[in-house]
């Protein structure tokens, strides 16, 4: 299980709605990354949390993880970083990404919880 809270939403994040992707990053993100990322802080650190079939909440939205990239768990644990694709790819999952369903881009607010069951 992992729990975190959204502390910042980059100014460019809404532009990724059409691509159906958000990039999560921990508080150590550089200023350039902060513009394109959803910054969050862990309340409960992850430990091999990202597993296909698991559900998680992102704000008021609920998703099921369908695919997990080979580096996603390590990046998430060390940096709080993953890319979340709200669509499934036919080309394979990127190493630091997860793909989830439903294919609904979330409405996010500062203070929203992120909870991986």
C-alpha atoms as a PDB file:
ATOM      1  CA  UNK A   1       0.000   0.000   0.000  1.00  0.00           C
ATOM      2  CA  UNK A   2       1.112   3.571  -0.663  1.00  0.00           C
ATOM      3  CA  UNK A   3      -0.546   6.850   0.216  1.00  0.00           C
ATOM      4  CA  UNK A   4       0.383  10.349  -0.814  1.00  0.00           C
ATOM      5  CA  UNK A   5      -1.120  13.799  -1.186  1.00  0.00           C
ATOM      6  CA  UNK A   6      -0.949  16.152  -4.155  1.00  0.00           C
ATOM      7  CA  UNK A   7       0.994  19.280  -3.189  1.00  0.00           C
ATOM      8  CA  UNK A   8       1.412  20.955  -6.581  1.00  0.00           C
ATOM      9  CA  UNK A   9       0.016  20.684 -10.106  1.00  0.00           C
ATOM     10  CA  UNK A  10       2.254  21.934 -12.892  1.00  0.00           C
ATOM     11  CA  UNK A  11       0.930  24.616 -15.223  1.00  0.00           C
ATOM     12  CA  UNK A  12       1.304  22.338 -18.268  1.00  0.00           C
ATOM     13  CA  UNK A  13      -0.451  19.276 -16.740  1.00  0.00           C
ATOM     14  CA  UNK A  14      -3.921  20.125 -18.196  1.00  0.00           C
ATOM     15  CA  UNK A  15      -2.404  20.065 -21.688  1.00  0.00           C
ATOM     16  CA  UNK A  16      -1.790  16.308 -21.311  1.00  0.00           C
ATOM     17  CA  UNK A  17      -5.531  15.591 -21.156  1.00  0.00           C
ATOM     18  CA  UNK A  18      -5.688  14.820 -24.878  1.00  0.00           C
ATOM     19  CA  UNK A  19      -2.764  12.376 -24.542  1.00  0.00           C
ATOM     20  CA  UNK A  20      -4.396  10.882 -21.408  1.00  0.00           C
ATOM     21  CA  UNK A  21      -1.216  10.889 -19.317  1.00  0.00           C
ATOM     22  CA  UNK A  22      -0.049  12.456 -16.071  1.00  0.00           C
ATOM     23  CA  UNK A  23       3.424  12.395 -14.617  1.00  0.00           C
ATOM     24  CA  UNK A  24       3.742  11.981 -10.858  1.00  0.00           C
ATOM     25  CA  UNK A  25       6.922  13.121  -9.153  1.00  0.00           C
ATOM     26  CA  UNK A  26       8.045  13.488  -5.566  1.00  0.00           C
ATOM     27  CA  UNK A  27       9.003  16.810  -3.964  1.00  0.00           C
ATOM     28  CA  UNK A  28      12.601  16.656  -5.251  1.00  0.00           C
ATOM     29  CA  UNK A  29      11.483  17.405  -8.824  1.00  0.00           C
ATOM     30  CA  UNK A  30      13.471  20.154 -10.539  1.00  0.00           C
ATOM     31  CA  UNK A  31      11.760  23.450 -11.465  1.00  0.00           C
ATOM     32  CA  UNK A  32      11.512  22.391 -15.134  1.00  0.00           C
ATOM     33  CA  UNK A  33       9.876  19.075 -14.194  1.00  0.00           C
ATOM     34  CA  UNK A  34       7.423  20.797 -11.850  1.00  0.00           C
ATOM     35  CA  UNK A  35       5.766  22.510 -14.820  1.00  0.00           C
ATOM     36  CA  UNK A  36       4.752  19.176 -16.378  1.00  0.00           C
ATOM     37  CA  UNK A  37       4.229  17.065 -13.237  1.00  0.00           C
ATOM     38  CA  UNK A  38       1.797  16.423 -10.453  1.00  0.00           C
ATOM     39  CA  UNK A  39       3.973  16.765  -7.342  1.00  0.00           C
ATOM     40  CA  UNK A  40       3.047  14.587  -4.370  1.00  0.00           C
ATOM     41  CA  UNK A  41       4.414  13.625  -0.975  1.00  0.00           C
ATOM     42  CA  UNK A  42       4.152  10.152   0.520  1.00  0.00           C
ATOM     43  CA  UNK A  43       2.411   9.559   3.826  1.00  0.00           C
ATOM     44  CA  UNK A  44       3.045   5.852   3.471  1.00  0.00           C
ATOM     45  CA  UNK A  45       5.974   4.809   1.249  1.00  0.00           C
ATOM     46  CA  UNK A  46       5.402   2.232  -1.497  1.00  0.00           C
ATOM     47  CA  UNK A  47       6.943  -1.209  -1.567  1.00  0.00           C
ATOM     48  CA  UNK A  48       6.323  -3.063  -4.835  1.00  0.00           C
ATOM     49  CA  UNK A  49       2.923  -1.353  -4.877  1.00  0.00           C
ATOM     50  CA  UNK A  50       2.406  -1.237  -8.626  1.00  0.00           C
ATOM     51  CA  UNK A  51       0.933  -4.566  -9.676  1.00  0.00           C
ATOM     52  CA  UNK A  52      -1.408  -5.342 -12.562  1.00  0.00           C
ATOM     53  CA  UNK A  53      -4.922  -5.919 -11.250  1.00  0.00           C
ATOM     54  CA  UNK A  54      -4.587  -3.630  -8.212  1.00  0.00           C
ATOM     55  CA  UNK A  55      -6.910  -0.687  -7.771  1.00  0.00           C
ATOM     56  CA  UNK A  56      -5.997   2.831  -6.709  1.00  0.00           C
ATOM     57  CA  UNK A  57      -7.642   6.172  -6.107  1.00  0.00           C
ATOM     58  CA  UNK A  58      -6.451   9.417  -7.613  1.00  0.00           C
ATOM     59  CA  UNK A  59      -8.493  12.241  -6.136  1.00  0.00           C
ATOM     60  CA  UNK A  60     -12.111  11.163  -6.483  1.00  0.00           C
ATOM     61  CA  UNK A  61     -11.402   8.756  -9.348  1.00  0.00           C
ATOM     62  CA  UNK A  62     -10.820   5.010  -9.056  1.00  0.00           C
ATOM     63  CA  UNK A  63      -8.648   3.034 -11.483  1.00  0.00           C
ATOM     64  CA  UNK A  64      -7.356  -0.488 -12.074  1.00  0.00           C
ATOM     65  CA  UNK A  65      -3.723  -1.022 -13.060  1.00  0.00           C
ATOM     66  CA  UNK A  66      -3.572  -3.042 -16.264  1.00  0.00           C
ATOM     67  CA  UNK A  67       0.133  -2.917 -17.178  1.00  0.00           C
ATOM     68  CA  UNK A  68       3.292  -2.026 -15.238  1.00  0.00           C
ATOM     69  CA  UNK A  69       6.601  -0.987 -16.822  1.00  0.00           C
ATOM     70  CA  UNK A  70       9.765  -2.800 -15.710  1.00  0.00           C
ATOM     71  CA  UNK A  71      11.185   0.281 -13.883  1.00  0.00           C
ATOM     72  CA  UNK A  72       7.908   1.689 -12.540  1.00  0.00           C
ATOM     73  CA  UNK A  73       8.113   0.279  -9.001  1.00  0.00           C
ATOM     74  CA  UNK A  74      11.749   1.288  -8.518  1.00  0.00           C
ATOM     75  CA  UNK A  75      11.160   4.824  -9.828  1.00  0.00           C
ATOM     76  CA  UNK A  76       8.026   5.214  -7.722  1.00  0.00           C
ATOM     77  CA  UNK A  77       9.759   4.021  -4.546  1.00  0.00           C
ATOM     78  CA  UNK A  78      12.930   6.090  -5.030  1.00  0.00           C
ATOM     79  CA  UNK A  79      11.625   9.271  -6.668  1.00  0.00           C
ATOM     80  CA  UNK A  80       7.853   9.170  -6.344  1.00  0.00           C
ATOM     81  CA  UNK A  81       7.917   9.158 -10.148  1.00  0.00           C
ATOM     82  CA  UNK A  82       5.676   7.304 -12.575  1.00  0.00           C
ATOM     83  CA  UNK A  83       3.818   8.193 -15.722  1.00  0.00           C
ATOM     84  CA  UNK A  84       0.182   7.117 -15.606  1.00  0.00           C
ATOM     85  CA  UNK A  85      -1.448   6.430 -18.973  1.00  0.00           C
ATOM     86  CA  UNK A  86      -5.231   6.445 -18.918  1.00  0.00           C
ATOM     87  CA  UNK A  87      -5.290   4.255 -22.014  1.00  0.00           C
ATOM     88  CA  UNK A  88      -3.795   0.943 -23.080  1.00  0.00           C
ATOM     89  CA  UNK A  89      -0.966   0.842 -25.593  1.00  0.00           C
ATOM     90  CA  UNK A  90      -0.510  -1.695 -28.359  1.00  0.00           C
ATOM     91  CA  UNK A  91       3.196  -0.772 -28.540  1.00  0.00           C
ATOM     92  CA  UNK A  92       4.150  -1.965 -25.053  1.00  0.00           C
ATOM     93  CA  UNK A  93       4.362  -0.180 -21.739  1.00  0.00           C
ATOM     94  CA  UNK A  94       7.164   2.334 -21.197  1.00  0.00           C
ATOM     95  CA  UNK A  95       9.620   1.235 -18.465  1.00  0.00           C
ATOM     96  CA  UNK A  96       8.617   3.927 -15.937  1.00  0.00           C
ATOM     97  CA  UNK A  97       4.900   3.868 -16.657  1.00  0.00           C
ATOM     98  CA  UNK A  98       1.678   2.185 -15.733  1.00  0.00           C
ATOM     99  CA  UNK A  99      -1.407   1.850 -17.901  1.00  0.00           C
ATOM    100  CA  UNK A 100      -4.796   1.989 -16.234  1.00  0.00           C
ATOM    101  CA  UNK A 101      -8.528   1.731 -16.869  1.00  0.00           C
ATOM    102  CA  UNK A 102     -10.979   3.338 -17.197  1.00  0.00           C
ATOM    103  CA  UNK A 103      -9.675   5.686 -19.893  1.00  0.00           C
ATOM    104  CA  UNK A 104     -10.736   8.796 -17.975  1.00  0.00           C
ATOM    105  CA  UNK A 105      -8.309  11.682 -17.406  1.00  0.00           C
ATOM    106  CA  UNK A 106      -8.753  12.752 -13.767  1.00  0.00           C
ATOM    107  CA  UNK A 107      -9.692  16.151 -12.431  1.00  0.00           C
ATOM    108  CA  UNK A 108      -7.036  16.855  -9.815  1.00  0.00           C
ATOM    109  CA  UNK A 109      -6.732  19.366  -7.001  1.00  0.00           C
ATOM    110  CA  UNK A 110      -4.019  20.251  -4.542  1.00  0.00           C
ATOM    111  CA  UNK A 111      -4.741  18.268  -1.390  1.00  0.00           C
ATOM    112  CA  UNK A 112      -6.233  15.271  -3.217  1.00  0.00           C
ATOM    113  CA  UNK A 113      -5.108  11.854  -1.998  1.00  0.00           C
ATOM    114  CA  UNK A 114      -3.409   9.216  -4.094  1.00  0.00           C
ATOM    115  CA  UNK A 115      -3.958   5.778  -2.583  1.00  0.00           C
ATOM    116  CA  UNK A 116      -2.664   2.505  -4.022  1.00  0.00           C
ATOM    117  CA  UNK A 117      -4.391  -0.400  -2.246  1.00  0.00           C
END
